[in-house]
Amino acid sequence: MRKQQPANAMDDKEVLTRKLAELKKEHRQLDERIARMTEAVPFDQLQVQRLKKRKLALKDQIARLDSKLMPDIIA
């Protein structure tokens, strides 16, 4: 039998899931923006560097949220 989670835990999971989806969307949009910027020559290397830094920070946030949403597995 599965142990039922309290209602607030389910709400927290929904909030985390929504936040994760938002971060992944922003990450994809940054990736597309960087690709478009680097197609044009010359491009603003400083701006691209800043976008890549933001993209990396998003990737880290996504990884943290993913780990919070994954159930703990006892080996």
C-alpha atoms as a PDB file:
ATOM      1  CA  MET A   1       0.000   0.000   0.000  1.00  0.00           C
ATOM      2  CA  ARG A   2       1.242   3.467  -0.856  1.00  0.00           C
ATOM      3  CA  LYS A   3       1.587   6.010   1.844  1.00  0.00           C
ATOM      4  CA  GLN A   4      -0.567   9.029   1.056  1.00  0.00           C
ATOM      5  CA  GLN A   5       1.092  12.384   1.057  1.00  0.00           C
ATOM      6  CA  PRO A   6      -0.491  15.299   2.874  1.00  0.00           C
ATOM      7  CA  ALA A   7      -2.325  17.802   0.684  1.00  0.00           C
ATOM      8  CA  ASN A   8       0.331  20.468   1.172  1.00  0.00           C
ATOM      9  CA  ALA A   9       3.053  18.090  -0.039  1.00  0.00           C
ATOM     10  CA  MET A  10       1.062  17.536  -3.225  1.00  0.00           C
ATOM     11  CA  ASP A  11       0.673  21.302  -3.606  1.00  0.00           C
ATOM     12  CA  ASP A  12       4.418  21.732  -3.137  1.00  0.00           C
ATOM     13  CA  LYS A  13       5.087  19.119  -5.792  1.00  0.00           C
ATOM     14  CA  GLU A  14       2.756  20.901  -8.212  1.00  0.00           C
ATOM     15  CA  VAL A  15       4.481  24.217  -7.543  1.00  0.00           C
ATOM     16  CA  LEU A  16       7.903  22.640  -8.098  1.00  0.00           C
ATOM     17  CA  THR A  17       6.696  20.946 -11.282  1.00  0.00           C
ATOM     18  CA  ARG A  18       5.354  24.244 -12.638  1.00  0.00           C
ATOM     19  CA  LYS A  19       8.553  26.072 -11.726  1.00  0.00           C
ATOM     20  CA  LEU A  20      10.592  23.333 -13.390  1.00  0.00           C
ATOM     21  CA  ALA A  21       8.562  23.687 -16.595  1.00  0.00           C
ATOM     22  CA  GLU A  22       9.078  27.473 -16.558  1.00  0.00           C
ATOM     23  CA  LEU A  23      12.826  27.108 -16.082  1.00  0.00           C
ATOM     24  CA  LYS A  24      13.093  24.542 -18.891  1.00  0.00           C
ATOM     25  CA  LYS A  25      11.134  26.842 -21.196  1.00  0.00           C
ATOM     26  CA  GLU A  26      13.397  29.791 -20.376  1.00  0.00           C
ATOM     27  CA  HIS A  27      16.463  27.572 -20.891  1.00  0.00           C
ATOM     28  CA  ARG A  28      15.210  26.549 -24.366  1.00  0.00           C
ATOM     29  CA  GLN A  29      14.437  30.157 -25.265  1.00  0.00           C
ATOM     30  CA  LEU A  30      17.922  31.262 -24.223  1.00  0.00           C
ATOM     31  CA  ASP A  31      19.437  28.466 -26.286  1.00  0.00           C
ATOM     32  CA  GLU A  32      17.476  29.612 -29.345  1.00  0.00           C
ATOM     33  CA  ARG A  33      18.371  33.246 -28.731  1.00  0.00           C
ATOM     34  CA  ILE A  34      22.075  32.432 -28.421  1.00  0.00           C
ATOM     35  CA  ALA A  35      21.933  30.403 -31.640  1.00  0.00           C
ATOM     36  CA  ARG A  36      20.252  33.267 -33.522  1.00  0.00           C
ATOM     37  CA  MET A  37      22.731  35.812 -32.167  1.00  0.00           C
ATOM     38  CA  THR A  38      25.776  33.796 -33.156  1.00  0.00           C
ATOM     39  CA  GLU A  39      24.489  33.255 -36.710  1.00  0.00           C
ATOM     40  CA  ALA A  40      24.877  36.964 -37.450  1.00  0.00           C
ATOM     41  CA  VAL A  41      28.421  38.181 -37.913  1.00  0.00           C
ATOM     42  CA  PRO A  42      29.637  40.157 -36.069  1.00  0.00           C
ATOM     43  CA  PHE A  43      27.796  39.385 -32.848  1.00  0.00           C
ATOM     44  CA  ASP A  44      28.058  40.841 -29.369  1.00  0.00           C
ATOM     45  CA  GLN A  45      30.338  38.380 -27.594  1.00  0.00           C
ATOM     46  CA  LEU A  46      29.753  39.972 -24.203  1.00  0.00           C
ATOM     47  CA  GLN A  47      25.978  39.629 -24.557  1.00  0.00           C
ATOM     48  CA  VAL A  48      26.335  35.996 -25.694  1.00  0.00           C
ATOM     49  CA  GLN A  49      28.612  35.300 -22.727  1.00  0.00           C
ATOM     50  CA  ARG A  50      26.032  36.763 -20.334  1.00  0.00           C
ATOM     51  CA  LEU A  51      23.255  34.708 -21.907  1.00  0.00           C
ATOM     52  CA  LYS A  52      25.333  31.539 -21.646  1.00  0.00           C
ATOM     53  CA  LYS A  53      26.028  32.287 -17.984  1.00  0.00           C
ATOM     54  CA  ARG A  54      22.292  32.725 -17.353  1.00  0.00           C
ATOM     55  CA  LYS A  55      21.602  29.503 -19.261  1.00  0.00           C
ATOM     56  CA  LEU A  56      24.094  27.622 -17.067  1.00  0.00           C
ATOM     57  CA  ALA A  57      22.499  29.037 -13.910  1.00  0.00           C
ATOM     58  CA  LEU A  58      19.109  27.849 -15.186  1.00  0.00           C
ATOM     59  CA  LYS A  59      20.555  24.403 -15.841  1.00  0.00           C
ATOM     60  CA  ASP A  60      21.751  24.246 -12.229  1.00  0.00           C
ATOM     61  CA  GLN A  61      18.324  25.309 -10.927  1.00  0.00           C
ATOM     62  CA  ILE A  62      16.661  22.698 -13.143  1.00  0.00           C
ATOM     63  CA  ALA A  63      18.963  19.986 -11.774  1.00  0.00           C
ATOM     64  CA  ARG A  64      18.176  20.992  -8.172  1.00  0.00           C
ATOM     65  CA  LEU A  65      14.418  20.941  -8.788  1.00  0.00           C
ATOM     66  CA  ASP A  66      14.686  17.617 -10.617  1.00  0.00           C
ATOM     67  CA  SER A  67      16.443  16.114  -7.610  1.00  0.00           C
ATOM     68  CA  LYS A  68      13.757  17.463  -5.258  1.00  0.00           C
ATOM     69  CA  LEU A  69      11.031  15.900  -7.375  1.00  0.00           C
ATOM     70  CA  MET A  70      12.714  12.515  -7.686  1.00  0.00           C
ATOM     71  CA  PRO A  71      11.726  10.093  -4.943  1.00  0.00           C
ATOM     72  CA  ASP A  72      14.500   8.903  -2.662  1.00  0.00           C
ATOM     73  CA  ILE A  73      15.502   5.383  -3.627  1.00  0.00           C
ATOM     74  CA  ILE A  74      16.990   3.219  -0.919  1.00  0.00           C
ATOM     75  CA  ALA A  75      19.562   0.884  -2.419  1.00  0.00           C
END
